[in-house]
Each structure stands twice: as C-alpha cells, then as structure tokens.
Amino acid sequence: MVMGPFGCPNCGEELYFQRDGAKVRTKCPCGVSGEWNYGEILQPVDYFNKLSDELRAKKNAGST
C-alpha cells in the first residue's frame, strides 16, 4: 500500500509512505526518512504528522 503524495516537511518534494508488512516507511531524496509500526487505526496523514513532529524535534534539539 502506498500513501501520498504529501509535501516533504523539509524540502517540499512529493513524499510517499509505503506499508511493508508491519512497518510504514518513507524516504525523501533530501534525506528525511522515517519508519513506524503500522497501526490499523492510523490514517496516512498520521504518519506524515509523525514524520513532521520528529523533524521538528530534531531541529529544536539542534538549536539549543
């Protein structure tokens, strides 16, 4: 199952999420990537939000 496209929260390129068994993965050419456990109650936008939250946390951690 492929979900997307979404705009990469880092560079804006089209970003797709792929379900591979029990995992959902994504990787953008700019280097942003993520992997999460698949949850039946989660919608595609939930995985995008997880990616965005992780990216924001990394940027905030690097600025302190």
N, C-alpha and C. Protein backbone atom coordinates (compact mmCIF):
# COMPACT_ATOMS: atom_id res chain seq x y z
N MET A 1 0.84 -1.17 0.00
CA MET A 1 0.00 0.00 0.00
C MET A 1 0.89 1.24 0.00
N VAL A 2 0.61 2.16 -0.89
CA VAL A 2 1.35 3.41 -0.97
C VAL A 2 0.39 4.55 -0.60
N MET A 3 0.88 5.46 0.24
CA MET A 3 0.08 6.59 0.70
C MET A 3 0.76 7.88 0.29
N GLY A 4 0.00 8.81 -0.23
CA GLY A 4 0.55 10.09 -0.60
C GLY A 4 0.01 10.54 -1.93
N PRO A 5 0.55 11.58 -2.48
CA PRO A 5 1.75 12.27 -2.02
C PRO A 5 1.45 13.32 -0.96
N PHE A 6 2.46 13.54 -0.16
CA PHE A 6 2.49 14.63 0.81
C PHE A 6 3.68 15.50 0.44
N GLY A 7 3.70 16.74 0.88
CA GLY A 7 4.86 17.61 0.69
C GLY A 7 5.86 17.35 1.80
N CYS A 8 7.10 17.06 1.44
CA CYS A 8 8.13 16.82 2.44
C CYS A 8 8.21 18.02 3.37
N PRO A 9 8.21 17.80 4.69
CA PRO A 9 8.27 18.92 5.62
C PRO A 9 9.63 19.62 5.63
N ASN A 10 10.61 19.05 4.94
CA ASN A 10 11.93 19.67 4.89
C ASN A 10 12.14 20.45 3.59
N CYS A 11 11.79 19.83 2.45
CA CYS A 11 12.11 20.46 1.16
C CYS A 11 10.91 20.70 0.26
N GLY A 12 9.76 20.11 0.58
CA GLY A 12 8.56 20.32 -0.21
C GLY A 12 8.34 19.34 -1.36
N GLU A 13 9.31 18.46 -1.63
CA GLU A 13 9.17 17.46 -2.69
C GLU A 13 8.03 16.50 -2.36
N GLU A 14 7.49 15.85 -3.40
CA GLU A 14 6.47 14.84 -3.15
C GLU A 14 7.04 13.69 -2.34
N LEU A 15 6.31 13.29 -1.34
CA LEU A 15 6.76 12.26 -0.41
C LEU A 15 5.68 11.20 -0.29
N TYR A 16 6.06 9.95 -0.45
CA TYR A 16 5.13 8.83 -0.35
C TYR A 16 5.50 7.95 0.83
N PHE A 17 4.50 7.37 1.44
CA PHE A 17 4.68 6.44 2.55
C PHE A 17 4.27 5.07 2.05
N GLN A 18 5.07 4.06 2.37
CA GLN A 18 4.80 2.70 1.90
C GLN A 18 4.65 1.76 3.08
N ARG A 19 3.58 0.98 3.04
CA ARG A 19 3.41 -0.05 4.06
C ARG A 19 4.12 -1.30 3.57
N ASP A 20 4.97 -1.82 4.43
CA ASP A 20 5.73 -3.03 4.14
C ASP A 20 5.54 -3.98 5.31
N GLY A 21 4.52 -4.82 5.24
CA GLY A 21 4.22 -5.72 6.35
C GLY A 21 3.73 -4.94 7.56
N ALA A 22 4.46 -5.05 8.65
CA ALA A 22 4.08 -4.39 9.90
C ALA A 22 4.70 -3.00 10.04
N LYS A 23 5.37 -2.51 9.01
CA LYS A 23 6.05 -1.21 9.07
C LYS A 23 5.51 -0.26 8.00
N VAL A 24 5.60 1.03 8.28
CA VAL A 24 5.34 2.08 7.31
C VAL A 24 6.64 2.86 7.19
N ARG A 25 7.10 3.05 5.95
CA ARG A 25 8.39 3.72 5.73
C ARG A 25 8.25 4.83 4.71
N THR A 26 9.15 5.81 4.82
CA THR A 26 9.24 6.85 3.82
C THR A 26 10.68 7.33 3.75
N LYS A 27 11.06 7.84 2.59
CA LYS A 27 12.39 8.43 2.43
C LYS A 27 12.33 9.43 1.30
N CYS A 28 12.79 10.64 1.57
CA CYS A 28 12.83 11.72 0.60
C CYS A 28 14.25 11.84 0.05
N PRO A 29 14.41 12.27 -1.19
CA PRO A 29 15.76 12.48 -1.73
C PRO A 29 16.59 13.48 -0.90
N CYS A 30 15.93 14.36 -0.14
CA CYS A 30 16.68 15.33 0.68
C CYS A 30 17.28 14.69 1.93
N GLY A 31 16.92 13.42 2.20
CA GLY A 31 17.49 12.73 3.35
C GLY A 31 16.53 12.49 4.50
N VAL A 32 15.39 13.15 4.51
CA VAL A 32 14.40 12.94 5.56
C VAL A 32 13.80 11.55 5.37
N SER A 33 13.74 10.79 6.46
CA SER A 33 13.17 9.44 6.38
C SER A 33 12.53 9.08 7.71
N GLY A 34 11.72 8.05 7.67
CA GLY A 34 11.09 7.59 8.89
C GLY A 34 10.57 6.18 8.73
N GLU A 35 10.40 5.52 9.87
CA GLU A 35 9.86 4.17 9.91
C GLU A 35 9.06 4.02 11.19
N TRP A 36 7.84 3.50 11.06
CA TRP A 36 6.95 3.33 12.20
C TRP A 36 6.23 2.00 12.09
N ASN A 37 5.75 1.52 13.23
CA ASN A 37 4.91 0.34 13.24
C ASN A 37 3.56 0.70 12.63
N TYR A 38 3.03 -0.19 11.82
CA TYR A 38 1.72 0.03 11.20
C TYR A 38 0.64 -0.13 12.25
N GLY A 39 -0.31 0.79 12.26
CA GLY A 39 -1.46 0.71 13.14
C GLY A 39 -2.74 0.83 12.34
N GLU A 40 -3.64 -0.12 12.50
CA GLU A 40 -4.87 -0.12 11.71
C GLU A 40 -5.72 1.12 11.91
N ILE A 41 -5.65 1.73 13.07
CA ILE A 41 -6.49 2.91 13.33
C ILE A 41 -5.87 4.20 12.79
N LEU A 42 -4.60 4.15 12.38
CA LEU A 42 -3.93 5.35 11.89
C LEU A 42 -4.23 5.58 10.41
N GLN A 43 -4.39 6.85 10.05
CA GLN A 43 -4.62 7.26 8.68
C GLN A 43 -3.29 7.71 8.07
N PRO A 44 -3.19 7.79 6.74
CA PRO A 44 -1.94 8.24 6.12
C PRO A 44 -1.42 9.57 6.69
N VAL A 45 -2.31 10.50 6.95
CA VAL A 45 -1.87 11.79 7.48
C VAL A 45 -1.23 11.65 8.86
N ASP A 46 -1.60 10.62 9.61
CA ASP A 46 -0.99 10.41 10.93
C ASP A 46 0.50 10.09 10.81
N TYR A 47 0.87 9.31 9.79
CA TYR A 47 2.29 9.01 9.59
C TYR A 47 3.05 10.25 9.13
N PHE A 48 2.40 11.06 8.30
CA PHE A 48 3.02 12.33 7.89
C PHE A 48 3.24 13.22 9.12
N ASN A 49 2.26 13.27 10.00
CA ASN A 49 2.40 14.08 11.22
C ASN A 49 3.50 13.55 12.12
N LYS A 50 3.65 12.23 12.20
CA LYS A 50 4.74 11.66 12.98
C LYS A 50 6.09 12.11 12.41
N LEU A 51 6.22 12.07 11.09
CA LEU A 51 7.45 12.50 10.44
C LEU A 51 7.72 13.97 10.72
N SER A 52 6.69 14.80 10.56
CA SER A 52 6.84 16.24 10.80
C SER A 52 7.24 16.53 12.25
N ASP A 53 6.61 15.83 13.19
CA ASP A 53 6.94 16.03 14.60
C ASP A 53 8.38 15.63 14.91
N GLU A 54 8.83 14.50 14.34
CA GLU A 54 10.21 14.05 14.56
C GLU A 54 11.22 15.03 13.96
N LEU A 55 10.92 15.54 12.78
CA LEU A 55 11.81 16.51 12.14
C LEU A 55 11.89 17.80 12.96
N ARG A 56 10.74 18.27 13.43
CA ARG A 56 10.70 19.49 14.24
C ARG A 56 11.47 19.29 15.54
N ALA A 57 11.35 18.13 16.16
CA ALA A 57 12.07 17.84 17.41
C ALA A 57 13.58 17.84 17.18
N LYS A 58 14.01 17.27 16.05
CA LYS A 58 15.44 17.26 15.74
C LYS A 58 15.97 18.66 15.51
N LYS A 59 15.19 19.49 14.80
CA LYS A 59 15.62 20.87 14.55
C LYS A 59 15.68 21.66 15.85
N ASN A 60 14.70 21.46 16.73
CA ASN A 60 14.69 22.16 18.02
C ASN A 60 15.84 21.71 18.91
N ALA A 61 16.16 20.42 18.88
CA ALA A 61 17.27 19.90 19.68
C ALA A 61 18.61 20.45 19.19
N GLY A 62 18.72 20.67 17.91
CA GLY A 62 19.96 21.20 17.33
C GLY A 62 20.14 22.69 17.54
N SER A 63 19.06 23.40 17.88
CA SER A 63 19.16 24.84 18.03
C SER A 63 19.43 25.27 19.47
N THR A 64 19.49 24.31 20.39
CA THR A 64 19.74 24.68 21.80
C THR A 64 21.17 24.41 22.18
